[in-house]
Amino acid sequence: MAKPILVLKFGTASITTPKGELDELVIQDIARQVALIHDSYNLVIVSSGAVAAGKRFLKNYGATLNEKKAAASIGNPLLLNTYAKYFSAYGISIAQSLCERHHFSNRDQFLQLKRTYEELWKSNIIPIANENDVVSNLELKFSDNDELATLIAVGFGASQVLFSTSVPGVLDSEGKVIPELDTTDKKVLQLANKEKSASGLGGMTSKLNFARLANQMGIRVVIFGIRSENGIMNALDGKTGTLCHPQESNLPARKKWLASGSLVRGRIHVDAGAVKALLNRHSLLAVGISNVMSPFENGEIIEILDEENNVIAVAEAKIDSSVLKSGASLKNLEVAHADHIVLL
């Protein structure tokens, strides 16, 4: 049987010192723990930290977009060399995987990325993924590496995602770790501190949002503190951090990709009748569309919103949005087939 896929995500704050430099003691301990589970999983490590590793080499670094890109170009090899240094002590080889949003929005490119990872796993090599900050288009960037880790997990069919943080887990109002969460309740998002870390893009809100998405796709998620003793091992065993329970999901791989990895191009509002039809697994017809919020073309991915502005589904459009302006004669036109609609 194929080994289960495990995605480990390490944010900038969790692998850097208070001065913003790479914390080699943390990375050394990551290598030690990963070596203990390496034979049991096909592993993907999603690691931030390139900008933090490279920014000290730039004169008068001011965190502008261009300076961040320059810092990333310096820091990427430094970050990978640091991982390679400590993993080699356990006979483990690593590979770099710099990802961009279109690698997930284009189905063919996504499948190529997946096959590349599978080839690496055949030789027991661990891919270390990060956003390609040097060239990523600002408008098409991942929101943060929590999103990248989730897209990899959902798209590749991972069994678990572990989000490491600089705190022990999701904390309650008294600062105590909440051991378990049911992310089907959107109120869990209110548990997050709204502040982002000083060194990274994400925060607890991001982790909870993407934990909800992963859980919807049947993936177990643990949010844990990397500096807790044997944090990775204990997170796998449910002994540390906050466990976010997976839901049952029977979606085929393509629909999971559609729900999580696709790049939304258009947005539409639908009426109550269309919502009912979609919930009954019917196709989306033009008659149910009350408003085209942003245009789209045939084959592009659209978000479907109800009258209260809630996103209820994503779909692959069968027509251009311009066709919808043609009038009543097209009311029974199929805008998206049921097989290409995923309810959220």
C-alpha atoms as a PDB file:
ATOM      1  CA  MET A   1       0.000   0.000   0.000  1.00  0.00           C
ATOM      2  CA  ALA A   2       1.131   3.549  -0.723  1.00  0.00           C
ATOM      3  CA  LYS A   3       2.294   5.484   2.290  1.00  0.00           C
ATOM      4  CA  PRO A   4      -0.029   8.239   3.558  1.00  0.00           C
ATOM      5  CA  ILE A   5       0.905  11.808   2.679  1.00  0.00           C
ATOM      6  CA  LEU A   6       1.790  14.178   5.500  1.00  0.00           C
ATOM      7  CA  VAL A   7       2.238  17.922   4.986  1.00  0.00           C
ATOM      8  CA  LEU A   8       4.291  19.842   7.545  1.00  0.00           C
ATOM      9  CA  LYS A   9       4.109  23.627   7.429  1.00  0.00           C
ATOM     10  CA  PHE A  10       6.650  25.829   9.215  1.00  0.00           C
ATOM     11  CA  GLY A  11       6.037  29.566   9.287  1.00  0.00           C
ATOM     12  CA  THR A  12       8.686  32.247   9.473  1.00  0.00           C
ATOM     13  CA  ALA A  13       8.013  33.005  13.137  1.00  0.00           C
ATOM     14  CA  SER A  14       8.381  29.352  14.119  1.00  0.00           C
ATOM     15  CA  ILE A  15      11.840  28.844  12.565  1.00  0.00           C
ATOM     16  CA  THR A  16      13.480  32.214  13.232  1.00  0.00           C
ATOM     17  CA  THR A  17      14.992  33.873  16.282  1.00  0.00           C
ATOM     18  CA  PRO A  18      13.557  37.037  17.850  1.00  0.00           C
ATOM     19  CA  LYS A  19      16.114  38.917  15.705  1.00  0.00           C
ATOM     20  CA  GLY A  20      14.542  37.447  12.569  1.00  0.00           C
ATOM     21  CA  GLU A  21      17.408  35.117  11.680  1.00  0.00           C
ATOM     22  CA  LEU A  22      17.062  31.391  10.964  1.00  0.00           C
ATOM     23  CA  ASP A  23      16.998  29.398  14.201  1.00  0.00           C
ATOM     24  CA  GLU A  24      19.226  26.454  13.343  1.00  0.00           C
ATOM     25  CA  LEU A  25      18.441  24.688  16.613  1.00  0.00           C
ATOM     26  CA  VAL A  26      14.778  24.519  15.611  1.00  0.00           C
ATOM     27  CA  ILE A  27      15.607  23.278  12.099  1.00  0.00           C
ATOM     28  CA  GLN A  28      17.982  20.707  13.575  1.00  0.00           C
ATOM     29  CA  ASP A  29      15.195  19.413  15.807  1.00  0.00           C
ATOM     30  CA  ILE A  30      12.766  19.343  12.856  1.00  0.00           C
ATOM     31  CA  ALA A  31      15.241  17.102  11.023  1.00  0.00           C
ATOM     32  CA  ARG A  32      15.566  14.825  14.060  1.00  0.00           C
ATOM     33  CA  GLN A  33      11.823  14.334  14.411  1.00  0.00           C
ATOM     34  CA  VAL A  34      11.143  14.019  10.692  1.00  0.00           C
ATOM     35  CA  ALA A  35      13.815  11.299  10.483  1.00  0.00           C
ATOM     36  CA  LEU A  36      11.790   9.253  12.984  1.00  0.00           C
ATOM     37  CA  ILE A  37       8.648   9.318  10.817  1.00  0.00           C
ATOM     38  CA  HIS A  38      10.256   9.424   7.384  1.00  0.00           C
ATOM     39  CA  ASP A  39       9.676   5.731   6.658  1.00  0.00           C
ATOM     40  CA  SER A  40       5.978   5.958   7.524  1.00  0.00           C
ATOM     41  CA  TYR A  41       4.903   8.870   5.312  1.00  0.00           C
ATOM     42  CA  ASN A  42       5.371  10.548   1.968  1.00  0.00           C
ATOM     43  CA  LEU A  43       6.356  13.924   3.339  1.00  0.00           C
ATOM     44  CA  VAL A  44       6.043  17.468   2.057  1.00  0.00           C
ATOM     45  CA  ILE A  45       7.546  20.317   4.040  1.00  0.00           C
ATOM     46  CA  VAL A  46       6.165  23.788   3.339  1.00  0.00           C
ATOM     47  CA  SER A  47       8.588  26.265   4.815  1.00  0.00           C
ATOM     48  CA  SER A  48       8.661  30.032   4.950  1.00  0.00           C
ATOM     49  CA  GLY A  49      11.790  31.880   6.007  1.00  0.00           C
ATOM     50  CA  ALA A  50      13.534  32.819   2.752  1.00  0.00           C
ATOM     51  CA  VAL A  51      12.951  36.545   3.157  1.00  0.00           C
ATOM     52  CA  ALA A  52      14.040  36.399   6.794  1.00  0.00           C
ATOM     53  CA  ALA A  53      17.205  34.541   5.810  1.00  0.00           C
ATOM     54  CA  GLY A  54      18.146  37.001   3.076  1.00  0.00           C
ATOM     55  CA  LYS A  55      17.125  40.447   4.285  1.00  0.00           C
ATOM     56  CA  ARG A  56      20.222  41.033   6.448  1.00  0.00           C
ATOM     57  CA  PHE A  57      22.367  41.096   3.309  1.00  0.00           C
ATOM     58  CA  LEU A  58      20.525  44.100   1.846  1.00  0.00           C
ATOM     59  CA  LYS A  59      21.599  47.600   2.767  1.00  0.00           C
ATOM     60  CA  ASN A  60      18.943  49.663   4.548  1.00  0.00           C
ATOM     61  CA  TYR A  61      16.305  46.953   4.189  1.00  0.00           C
ATOM     62  CA  GLY A  62      12.868  48.571   4.415  1.00  0.00           C
ATOM     63  CA  ALA A  63      10.533  45.679   3.557  1.00  0.00           C
ATOM     64  CA  THR A  64       9.314  47.128   0.260  1.00  0.00           C
ATOM     65  CA  LEU A  65       7.964  44.651  -2.308  1.00  0.00           C
ATOM     66  CA  ASN A  66      11.151  44.780  -4.387  1.00  0.00           C
ATOM     67  CA  GLU A  67      13.325  44.425  -1.298  1.00  0.00           C
ATOM     68  CA  LYS A  68      11.325  41.391  -0.180  1.00  0.00           C
ATOM     69  CA  LYS A  69      11.772  39.796  -3.599  1.00  0.00           C
ATOM     70  CA  ALA A  70      15.504  40.508  -3.482  1.00  0.00           C
ATOM     71  CA  ALA A  71      15.731  39.108   0.045  1.00  0.00           C
ATOM     72  CA  ALA A  72      13.896  35.971  -1.073  1.00  0.00           C
ATOM     73  CA  SER A  73      16.336  35.444  -3.945  1.00  0.00           C
ATOM     74  CA  ILE A  74      19.218  35.587  -1.462  1.00  0.00           C
ATOM     75  CA  GLY A  75      17.441  33.616   1.244  1.00  0.00           C
ATOM     76  CA  ASN A  76      16.054  30.688  -0.782  1.00  0.00           C
ATOM     77  CA  PRO A  77      19.409  28.882  -1.158  1.00  0.00           C
ATOM     78  CA  LEU A  78      20.368  29.744   2.428  1.00  0.00           C
ATOM     79  CA  LEU A  79      17.112  28.258   3.742  1.00  0.00           C
ATOM     80  CA  LEU A  80      17.467  25.085   1.659  1.00  0.00           C
ATOM     81  CA  ASN A  81      21.130  24.668   2.557  1.00  0.00           C
ATOM     82  CA  THR A  82      20.231  24.885   6.237  1.00  0.00           C
ATOM     83  CA  TYR A  83      17.608  22.160   5.868  1.00  0.00           C
ATOM     84  CA  ALA A  84      19.987  20.052   3.760  1.00  0.00           C
ATOM     85  CA  LYS A  85      22.719  20.390   6.357  1.00  0.00           C
ATOM     86  CA  TYR A  86      20.641  18.909   9.165  1.00  0.00           C
ATOM     87  CA  PHE A  87      18.687  16.357   7.141  1.00  0.00           C
ATOM     88  CA  SER A  88      21.879  14.925   5.645  1.00  0.00           C
ATOM     89  CA  ALA A  89      22.919  13.862   9.134  1.00  0.00           C
ATOM     90  CA  TYR A  90      20.081  11.320   8.938  1.00  0.00           C
ATOM     91  CA  GLY A  91      20.776  10.260   5.361  1.00  0.00           C
ATOM     92  CA  ILE A  92      17.743  12.188   4.036  1.00  0.00           C
ATOM     93  CA  SER A  93      17.900  14.164   0.806  1.00  0.00           C
ATOM     94  CA  ILE A  94      15.683  17.163   0.119  1.00  0.00           C
ATOM     95  CA  ALA A  95      14.483  18.958  -3.021  1.00  0.00           C
ATOM     96  CA  GLN A  96      13.386  22.527  -3.585  1.00  0.00           C
ATOM     97  CA  SER A  97       9.900  23.252  -4.924  1.00  0.00           C
ATOM     98  CA  LEU A  98       9.187  26.928  -5.603  1.00  0.00           C
ATOM     99  CA  CYS A  99       5.478  27.235  -6.334  1.00  0.00           C
ATOM    100  CA  GLU A 100       3.256  29.857  -7.903  1.00  0.00           C
ATOM    101  CA  ARG A 101      -0.527  30.170  -7.854  1.00  0.00           C
ATOM    102  CA  HIS A 102      -0.958  29.138 -11.490  1.00  0.00           C
ATOM    103  CA  HIS A 103       0.666  25.782 -10.723  1.00  0.00           C
ATOM    104  CA  PHE A 104      -2.566  24.981  -8.895  1.00  0.00           C
ATOM    105  CA  SER A 105      -5.099  26.856 -11.005  1.00  0.00           C
ATOM    106  CA  ASN A 106      -4.044  25.053 -14.189  1.00  0.00           C
ATOM    107  CA  ARG A 107      -5.050  21.394 -13.911  1.00  0.00           C
ATOM    108  CA  ASP A 108      -2.309  20.126 -16.236  1.00  0.00           C
ATOM    109  CA  GLN A 109       0.424  22.019 -14.379  1.00  0.00           C
ATOM    110  CA  PHE A 110      -0.953  20.801 -11.076  1.00  0.00           C
ATOM    111  CA  LEU A 111      -0.828  17.167 -12.198  1.00  0.00           C
ATOM    112  CA  GLN A 112       2.726  17.678 -13.435  1.00  0.00           C
ATOM    113  CA  LEU A 113       3.699  19.026  -9.996  1.00  0.00           C
ATOM    114  CA  LYS A 114       2.047  16.032  -8.358  1.00  0.00           C
ATOM    115  CA  ARG A 115       3.916  13.579 -10.588  1.00  0.00           C
ATOM    116  CA  THR A 116       7.199  15.333  -9.772  1.00  0.00           C
ATOM    117  CA  TYR A 117       6.583  14.901  -6.046  1.00  0.00           C
ATOM    118  CA  GLU A 118       5.677  11.253  -6.567  1.00  0.00           C
ATOM    119  CA  GLU A 119       8.969  10.732  -8.410  1.00  0.00           C
ATOM    120  CA  LEU A 120      10.858  12.301  -5.490  1.00  0.00           C
ATOM    121  CA  TRP A 121       9.053  10.072  -2.991  1.00  0.00           C
ATOM    122  CA  LYS A 122      10.127   6.965  -4.923  1.00  0.00           C
ATOM    123  CA  SER A 123      13.677   7.853  -3.897  1.00  0.00           C
ATOM    124  CA  ASN A 124      12.655   8.875  -0.355  1.00  0.00           C
ATOM    125  CA  ILE A 125      13.425  12.517  -1.076  1.00  0.00           C
ATOM    126  CA  ILE A 126      11.449  15.196   0.778  1.00  0.00           C
ATOM    127  CA  PRO A 127      10.289  18.189  -1.305  1.00  0.00           C
ATOM    128  CA  ILE A 128      10.482  21.494   0.540  1.00  0.00           C
ATOM    129  CA  ALA A 129       7.922  23.881  -0.928  1.00  0.00           C
ATOM    130  CA  ASN A 130       7.738  27.645  -0.688  1.00  0.00           C
ATOM    131  CA  GLU A 131       6.132  30.379  -2.743  1.00  0.00           C
ATOM    132  CA  ASN A 132       8.356  31.686  -5.517  1.00  0.00           C
ATOM    133  CA  ASP A 133       8.410  35.196  -4.078  1.00  0.00           C
ATOM    134  CA  VAL A 134      11.065  36.375  -6.528  1.00  0.00           C
ATOM    135  CA  VAL A 135       8.697  36.273  -9.507  1.00  0.00           C
ATOM    136  CA  SER A 136       5.172  35.821  -8.086  1.00  0.00           C
ATOM    137  CA  ASN A 137       2.624  38.278  -9.415  1.00  0.00           C
ATOM    138  CA  LEU A 138       1.290  40.385  -6.555  1.00  0.00           C
ATOM    139  CA  GLU A 139      -2.328  39.863  -7.634  1.00  0.00           C
ATOM    140  CA  LEU A 140      -1.935  36.092  -7.938  1.00  0.00           C
ATOM    141  CA  LYS A 141       0.082  35.372  -4.815  1.00  0.00           C
ATOM    142  CA  PHE A 142      -0.929  32.805  -2.241  1.00  0.00           C
ATOM    143  CA  SER A 143      -2.416  34.539   0.766  1.00  0.00           C
ATOM    144  CA  ASP A 144       0.389  32.875   2.742  1.00  0.00           C
ATOM    145  CA  ASN A 145       2.084  29.481   3.053  1.00  0.00           C
ATOM    146  CA  ASP A 146      -0.859  28.152   5.088  1.00  0.00           C
ATOM    147  CA  GLU A 147      -2.776  28.290   1.814  1.00  0.00           C
ATOM    148  CA  LEU A 148       0.049  26.640  -0.127  1.00  0.00           C
ATOM    149  CA  ALA A 149       0.249  23.804   2.414  1.00  0.00           C
ATOM    150  CA  THR A 150      -3.514  23.299   2.243  1.00  0.00           C
ATOM    151  CA  LEU A 151      -3.606  23.257  -1.564  1.00  0.00           C
ATOM    152  CA  ILE A 152      -0.857  20.646  -1.638  1.00  0.00           C
ATOM    153  CA  ALA A 153      -2.601  18.574   1.031  1.00  0.00           C
ATOM    154  CA  VAL A 154      -6.008  18.657  -0.627  1.00  0.00           C
ATOM    155  CA  GLY A 155      -4.734  18.267  -4.166  1.00  0.00           C
ATOM    156  CA  PHE A 156      -2.401  15.388  -3.368  1.00  0.00           C
ATOM    157  CA  GLY A 157      -4.815  13.593  -1.040  1.00  0.00           C
ATOM    158  CA  ALA A 158      -2.865  14.038   2.197  1.00  0.00           C
ATOM    159  CA  SER A 159      -4.158  12.410   5.348  1.00  0.00           C
ATOM    160  CA  GLN A 160      -2.857  15.108   7.687  1.00  0.00           C
ATOM    161  CA  VAL A 161      -1.536  18.675   7.801  1.00  0.00           C
ATOM    162  CA  LEU A 162       0.463  19.959  10.746  1.00  0.00           C
ATOM    163  CA  PHE A 163       0.652  23.757  11.057  1.00  0.00           C
ATOM    164  CA  SER A 164       3.514  24.781  13.328  1.00  0.00           C
ATOM    165  CA  THR A 165       3.303  28.106  15.117  1.00  0.00           C
ATOM    166  CA  SER A 166       5.243  30.206  17.571  1.00  0.00           C
ATOM    167  CA  VAL A 167       2.528  29.541  20.191  1.00  0.00           C
ATOM    168  CA  PRO A 168       1.463  26.145  21.634  1.00  0.00           C
ATOM    169  CA  GLY A 169      -1.805  25.963  19.659  1.00  0.00           C
ATOM    170  CA  VAL A 170      -5.139  27.770  19.423  1.00  0.00           C
ATOM    171  CA  LEU A 171      -5.574  29.635  22.705  1.00  0.00           C
ATOM    172  CA  ASP A 172      -8.737  30.483  24.596  1.00  0.00           C
ATOM    173  CA  SER A 173      -9.433  33.837  26.273  1.00  0.00           C
ATOM    174  CA  GLU A 174      -7.334  32.763  29.259  1.00  0.00           C
ATOM    175  CA  GLY A 175      -4.338  31.831  27.142  1.00  0.00           C
ATOM    176  CA  LYS A 176      -4.836  28.080  27.492  1.00  0.00           C
ATOM    177  CA  VAL A 177      -4.538  25.682  24.585  1.00  0.00           C
ATOM    178  CA  ILE A 178      -7.852  24.441  23.191  1.00  0.00           C
ATOM    179  CA  PRO A 179      -7.189  20.718  22.632  1.00  0.00           C
ATOM    180  CA  GLU A 180      -9.881  20.056  20.004  1.00  0.00           C
ATOM    181  CA  LEU A 181     -12.014  22.084  17.600  1.00  0.00           C
ATOM    182  CA  ASP A 182     -15.001  21.327  15.405  1.00  0.00           C
ATOM    183  CA  THR A 183     -14.351  23.568  12.411  1.00  0.00           C
ATOM    184  CA  THR A 184     -17.818  23.007  10.937  1.00  0.00           C
ATOM    185  CA  ASP A 185     -18.818  25.861  13.241  1.00  0.00           C
ATOM    186  CA  LYS A 186     -17.604  29.151  11.751  1.00  0.00           C
ATOM    187  CA  LYS A 187     -17.483  30.613  15.252  1.00  0.00           C
ATOM    188  CA  VAL A 188     -14.076  28.947  15.689  1.00  0.00           C
ATOM    189  CA  LEU A 189     -12.617  31.774  13.596  1.00  0.00           C
ATOM    190  CA  GLN A 190     -13.442  34.158  16.440  1.00  0.00           C
ATOM    191  CA  LEU A 191     -10.864  32.343  18.576  1.00  0.00           C
ATOM    192  CA  ALA A 192      -8.007  33.761  16.545  1.00  0.00           C
ATOM    193  CA  ASN A 193      -5.919  36.700  17.566  1.00  0.00           C
ATOM    194  CA  LYS A 194      -6.283  39.177  14.708  1.00  0.00           C
ATOM    195  CA  GLU A 195      -2.617  40.177  14.870  1.00  0.00           C
ATOM    196  CA  LYS A 196      -0.205  38.656  12.389  1.00  0.00           C
ATOM    197  CA  SER A 197       3.292  37.664  13.362  1.00  0.00           C
ATOM    198  CA  ALA A 198       5.912  40.352  12.923  1.00  0.00           C
ATOM    199  CA  SER A 199       7.975  38.187  10.566  1.00  0.00           C
ATOM    200  CA  GLY A 200       5.348  36.316   8.557  1.00  0.00           C
ATOM    201  CA  LEU A 201       2.248  36.890   6.450  1.00  0.00           C
ATOM    202  CA  GLY A 202      -0.162  34.624   8.255  1.00  0.00           C
ATOM    203  CA  GLY A 203      -1.602  34.304  11.721  1.00  0.00           C
ATOM    204  CA  MET A 204      -4.063  32.140  13.592  1.00  0.00           C
ATOM    205  CA  THR A 205      -7.009  33.365  11.507  1.00  0.00           C
ATOM    206  CA  SER A 206      -5.270  32.074   8.394  1.00  0.00           C
ATOM    207  CA  LYS A 207      -4.540  28.716   9.977  1.00  0.00           C
ATOM    208  CA  LEU A 208      -8.115  28.262  11.164  1.00  0.00           C
ATOM    209  CA  ASN A 209      -9.520  29.240   7.770  1.00  0.00           C
ATOM    210  CA  PHE A 210      -7.372  26.717   5.947  1.00  0.00           C
ATOM    211  CA  ALA A 211      -7.883  24.108   8.655  1.00  0.00           C
ATOM    212  CA  ARG A 212     -11.624  24.408   7.934  1.00  0.00           C
ATOM    213  CA  LEU A 213     -11.035  23.860   4.224  1.00  0.00           C
ATOM    214  CA  ALA A 214      -8.753  20.866   4.833  1.00  0.00           C
ATOM    215  CA  ASN A 215     -11.245  19.385   7.305  1.00  0.00           C
ATOM    216  CA  GLN A 216     -14.036  19.734   4.723  1.00  0.00           C
ATOM    217  CA  MET A 217     -11.910  17.638   2.379  1.00  0.00           C
ATOM    218  CA  GLY A 218     -11.405  14.902   4.980  1.00  0.00           C
ATOM    219  CA  ILE A 219      -7.952  15.940   6.199  1.00  0.00           C
ATOM    220  CA  ARG A 220      -6.904  15.915   9.861  1.00  0.00           C
ATOM    221  CA  VAL A 221      -5.227  19.157  10.978  1.00  0.00           C
ATOM    222  CA  VAL A 222      -3.175  19.934  14.067  1.00  0.00           C
ATOM    223  CA  ILE A 223      -2.038  23.449  14.970  1.00  0.00           C
ATOM    224  CA  PHE A 224       0.898  23.140  17.364  1.00  0.00           C
ATOM    225  CA  GLY A 225       3.934  24.935  18.755  1.00  0.00           C
ATOM    226  CA  ILE A 226       7.196  23.861  17.141  1.00  0.00           C
ATOM    227  CA  ARG A 227       9.152  24.743  20.266  1.00  0.00           C
ATOM    228  CA  SER A 228       7.205  22.350  22.466  1.00  0.00           C
ATOM    229  CA  GLU A 229       9.188  19.187  23.212  1.00  0.00           C
ATOM    230  CA  ASN A 230       8.851  16.615  20.417  1.00  0.00           C
ATOM    231  CA  GLY A 231       6.159  18.859  18.941  1.00  0.00           C
ATOM    232  CA  ILE A 232       5.846  17.061  15.598  1.00  0.00           C
ATOM    233  CA  MET A 233       5.716  13.598  17.139  1.00  0.00           C
ATOM    234  CA  ASN A 234       3.223  14.641  19.801  1.00  0.00           C
ATOM    235  CA  ALA A 235       1.058  16.492  17.280  1.00  0.00           C
ATOM    236  CA  LEU A 236       0.798  13.306  15.217  1.00  0.00           C
ATOM    237  CA  ASP A 237      -0.238  11.431  18.364  1.00  0.00           C
ATOM    238  CA  GLY A 238      -2.756  14.120  19.376  1.00  0.00           C
ATOM    239  CA  LYS A 239      -0.818  14.891  22.550  1.00  0.00           C
ATOM    240  CA  THR A 240      -0.065  18.544  21.870  1.00  0.00           C
ATOM    241  CA  GLY A 241      -1.543  21.535  20.100  1.00  0.00           C
ATOM    242  CA  THR A 242      -5.102  21.888  18.797  1.00  0.00           C
ATOM    243  CA  LEU A 243      -6.674  19.056  16.814  1.00  0.00           C
ATOM    244  CA  CYS A 244      -9.139  20.089  14.100  1.00  0.00           C
ATOM    245  CA  HIS A 245     -11.309  17.108  13.240  1.00  0.00           C
ATOM    246  CA  PRO A 246     -11.764  16.003   9.601  1.00  0.00           C
ATOM    247  CA  GLN A 247     -15.178  15.553   8.058  1.00  0.00           C
ATOM    248  CA  GLU A 248     -16.149  12.690   5.815  1.00  0.00           C
ATOM    249  CA  SER A 249     -15.453  13.484   2.177  1.00  0.00           C
ATOM    250  CA  ASN A 250     -16.147  11.298  -0.826  1.00  0.00           C
ATOM    251  CA  LEU A 251     -15.257  13.881  -3.444  1.00  0.00           C
ATOM    252  CA  PRO A 252     -13.141  12.580  -6.331  1.00  0.00           C
ATOM    253  CA  ALA A 253      -9.690  14.107  -6.800  1.00  0.00           C
ATOM    254  CA  ARG A 254     -10.760  16.481  -9.572  1.00  0.00           C
ATOM    255  CA  LYS A 255     -13.531  17.994  -7.478  1.00  0.00           C
ATOM    256  CA  LYS A 256     -11.169  18.439  -4.563  1.00  0.00           C
ATOM    257  CA  TRP A 257      -8.820  20.309  -6.877  1.00  0.00           C
ATOM    258  CA  LEU A 258     -11.724  22.403  -8.119  1.00  0.00           C
ATOM    259  CA  ALA A 259     -12.765  23.300  -4.572  1.00  0.00           C
ATOM    260  CA  SER A 260      -9.342  24.211  -3.282  1.00  0.00           C
ATOM    261  CA  GLY A 261      -6.693  24.713  -5.903  1.00  0.00           C
ATOM    262  CA  SER A 262      -8.498  26.459  -8.693  1.00  0.00           C
ATOM    263  CA  LEU A 263      -8.072  30.149  -9.375  1.00  0.00           C
ATOM    264  CA  VAL A 264     -11.443  31.890  -9.224  1.00  0.00           C
ATOM    265  CA  ARG A 265     -11.969  34.240 -12.176  1.00  0.00           C
ATOM    266  CA  GLY A 266     -15.654  35.150 -11.956  1.00  0.00           C
ATOM    267  CA  ARG A 267     -18.342  35.621  -9.312  1.00  0.00           C
ATOM    268  CA  ILE A 268     -22.100  35.399  -9.624  1.00  0.00           C
ATOM    269  CA  HIS A 269     -25.146  35.805  -7.414  1.00  0.00           C
ATOM    270  CA  VAL A 270     -27.948  33.246  -7.678  1.00  0.00           C
ATOM    271  CA  ASP A 271     -31.511  33.303  -6.386  1.00  0.00           C
ATOM    272  CA  ALA A 272     -33.089  31.021  -3.793  1.00  0.00           C
ATOM    273  CA  GLY A 273     -34.405  28.641  -6.450  1.00  0.00           C
ATOM    274  CA  ALA A 274     -30.934  28.133  -7.872  1.00  0.00           C
ATOM    275  CA  VAL A 275     -29.523  27.547  -4.390  1.00  0.00           C
ATOM    276  CA  LYS A 276     -32.107  24.817  -3.825  1.00  0.00           C
ATOM    277  CA  ALA A 277     -31.289  23.231  -7.180  1.00  0.00           C
ATOM    278  CA  LEU A 278     -27.561  23.255  -6.447  1.00  0.00           C
ATOM    279  CA  LEU A 279     -28.098  21.701  -3.019  1.00  0.00           C
ATOM    280  CA  ASN A 280     -30.021  18.943  -4.796  1.00  0.00           C
ATOM    281  CA  ARG A 281     -26.970  18.364  -7.025  1.00  0.00           C
ATOM    282  CA  HIS A 282     -28.516  19.861 -10.177  1.00  0.00           C
ATOM    283  CA  SER A 283     -26.716  21.942 -12.795  1.00  0.00           C
ATOM    284  CA  LEU A 284     -26.704  25.736 -12.707  1.00  0.00           C
ATOM    285  CA  LEU A 285     -28.994  27.343 -15.287  1.00  0.00           C
ATOM    286  CA  ALA A 286     -28.955  30.929 -16.485  1.00  0.00           C
ATOM    287  CA  VAL A 287     -32.473  31.482 -15.145  1.00  0.00           C
ATOM    288  CA  GLY A 288     -31.167  31.272 -11.582  1.00  0.00           C
ATOM    289  CA  ILE A 289     -28.444  33.897 -11.956  1.00  0.00           C
ATOM    290  CA  SER A 290     -29.456  37.252 -10.523  1.00  0.00           C
ATOM    291  CA  ASN A 291     -26.189  39.139 -10.979  1.00  0.00           C
ATOM    292  CA  VAL A 292     -22.786  38.706 -12.613  1.00  0.00           C
ATOM    293  CA  MET A 293     -20.409  40.368 -10.173  1.00  0.00           C
ATOM    294  CA  SER A 294     -17.265  39.835 -12.238  1.00  0.00           C
ATOM    295  CA  PRO A 295     -16.922  38.513 -15.799  1.00  0.00           C
ATOM    296  CA  PHE A 296     -15.616  35.093 -16.783  1.00  0.00           C
ATOM    297  CA  GLU A 297     -14.957  32.978 -19.835  1.00  0.00           C
ATOM    298  CA  ASN A 298     -15.828  29.436 -20.842  1.00  0.00           C
ATOM    299  CA  GLY A 299     -13.709  26.997 -18.810  1.00  0.00           C
ATOM    300  CA  GLU A 300     -12.830  29.447 -16.047  1.00  0.00           C
ATOM    301  CA  ILE A 301     -13.668  28.896 -12.378  1.00  0.00           C
ATOM    302  CA  ILE A 302     -16.489  30.893 -10.812  1.00  0.00           C
ATOM    303  CA  GLU A 303     -17.688  31.418  -7.261  1.00  0.00           C
ATOM    304  CA  ILE A 304     -21.421  31.077  -6.704  1.00  0.00           C
ATOM    305  CA  LEU A 305     -22.931  33.274  -3.980  1.00  0.00           C
ATOM    306  CA  ASP A 306     -26.420  33.251  -2.519  1.00  0.00           C
ATOM    307  CA  GLU A 307     -28.586  36.316  -1.875  1.00  0.00           C
ATOM    308  CA  GLU A 308     -26.926  36.840   1.530  1.00  0.00           C
ATOM    309  CA  ASN A 309     -23.505  37.004  -0.138  1.00  0.00           C
ATOM    310  CA  ASN A 310     -22.403  33.596   1.167  1.00  0.00           C
ATOM    311  CA  VAL A 311     -20.184  31.522  -1.108  1.00  0.00           C
ATOM    312  CA  ILE A 312     -22.073  28.265  -1.544  1.00  0.00           C
ATOM    313  CA  ALA A 313     -20.146  26.614  -4.382  1.00  0.00           C
ATOM    314  CA  VAL A 314     -17.442  26.858  -7.013  1.00  0.00           C
ATOM    315  CA  ALA A 315     -17.874  25.659 -10.572  1.00  0.00           C
ATOM    316  CA  GLU A 316     -16.245  25.419 -13.967  1.00  0.00           C
ATOM    317  CA  ALA A 317     -18.202  27.634 -16.364  1.00  0.00           C
ATOM    318  CA  LYS A 318     -19.501  26.217 -19.652  1.00  0.00           C
ATOM    319  CA  ILE A 319     -20.101  29.624 -21.227  1.00  0.00           C
ATOM    320  CA  ASP A 320     -18.763  33.179 -21.258  1.00  0.00           C
ATOM    321  CA  SER A 321     -20.507  35.627 -18.937  1.00  0.00           C
ATOM    322  CA  SER A 322     -21.155  37.900 -21.906  1.00  0.00           C
ATOM    323  CA  VAL A 323     -23.645  35.311 -23.193  1.00  0.00           C
ATOM    324  CA  LEU A 324     -25.820  35.899 -20.129  1.00  0.00           C
ATOM    325  CA  LYS A 325     -26.571  39.420 -21.361  1.00  0.00           C
ATOM    326  CA  SER A 326     -28.345  38.039 -24.427  1.00  0.00           C
ATOM    327  CA  GLY A 327     -31.762  37.919 -22.768  1.00  0.00           C
ATOM    328  CA  ALA A 328     -34.636  35.657 -21.771  1.00  0.00           C
ATOM    329  CA  SER A 329     -34.161  33.178 -24.623  1.00  0.00           C
ATOM    330  CA  LEU A 330     -31.123  31.822 -22.797  1.00  0.00           C
ATOM    331  CA  LYS A 331     -32.771  31.286 -19.427  1.00  0.00           C
ATOM    332  CA  ASN A 332     -32.555  27.496 -19.677  1.00  0.00           C
ATOM    333  CA  LEU A 333     -28.944  27.624 -20.801  1.00  0.00           C
ATOM    334  CA  GLU A 334     -26.660  25.471 -18.668  1.00  0.00           C
ATOM    335  CA  VAL A 335     -23.994  27.697 -17.141  1.00  0.00           C
ATOM    336  CA  ALA A 336     -22.240  24.925 -15.188  1.00  0.00           C
ATOM    337  CA  HIS A 337     -22.834  21.183 -15.235  1.00  0.00           C
ATOM    338  CA  ALA A 338     -23.534  19.416 -11.947  1.00  0.00           C
ATOM    339  CA  ASP A 339     -20.406  17.278 -12.369  1.00  0.00           C
ATOM    340  CA  HIS A 340     -18.298  20.454 -12.404  1.00  0.00           C
ATOM    341  CA  ILE A 341     -19.842  22.091  -9.331  1.00  0.00           C
ATOM    342  CA  VAL A 342     -18.539  21.651  -5.800  1.00  0.00           C
ATOM    343  CA  LEU A 343     -20.650  22.736  -2.841  1.00  0.00           C
ATOM    344  CA  LEU A 344     -18.773  24.472  -0.030  1.00  0.00           C
END
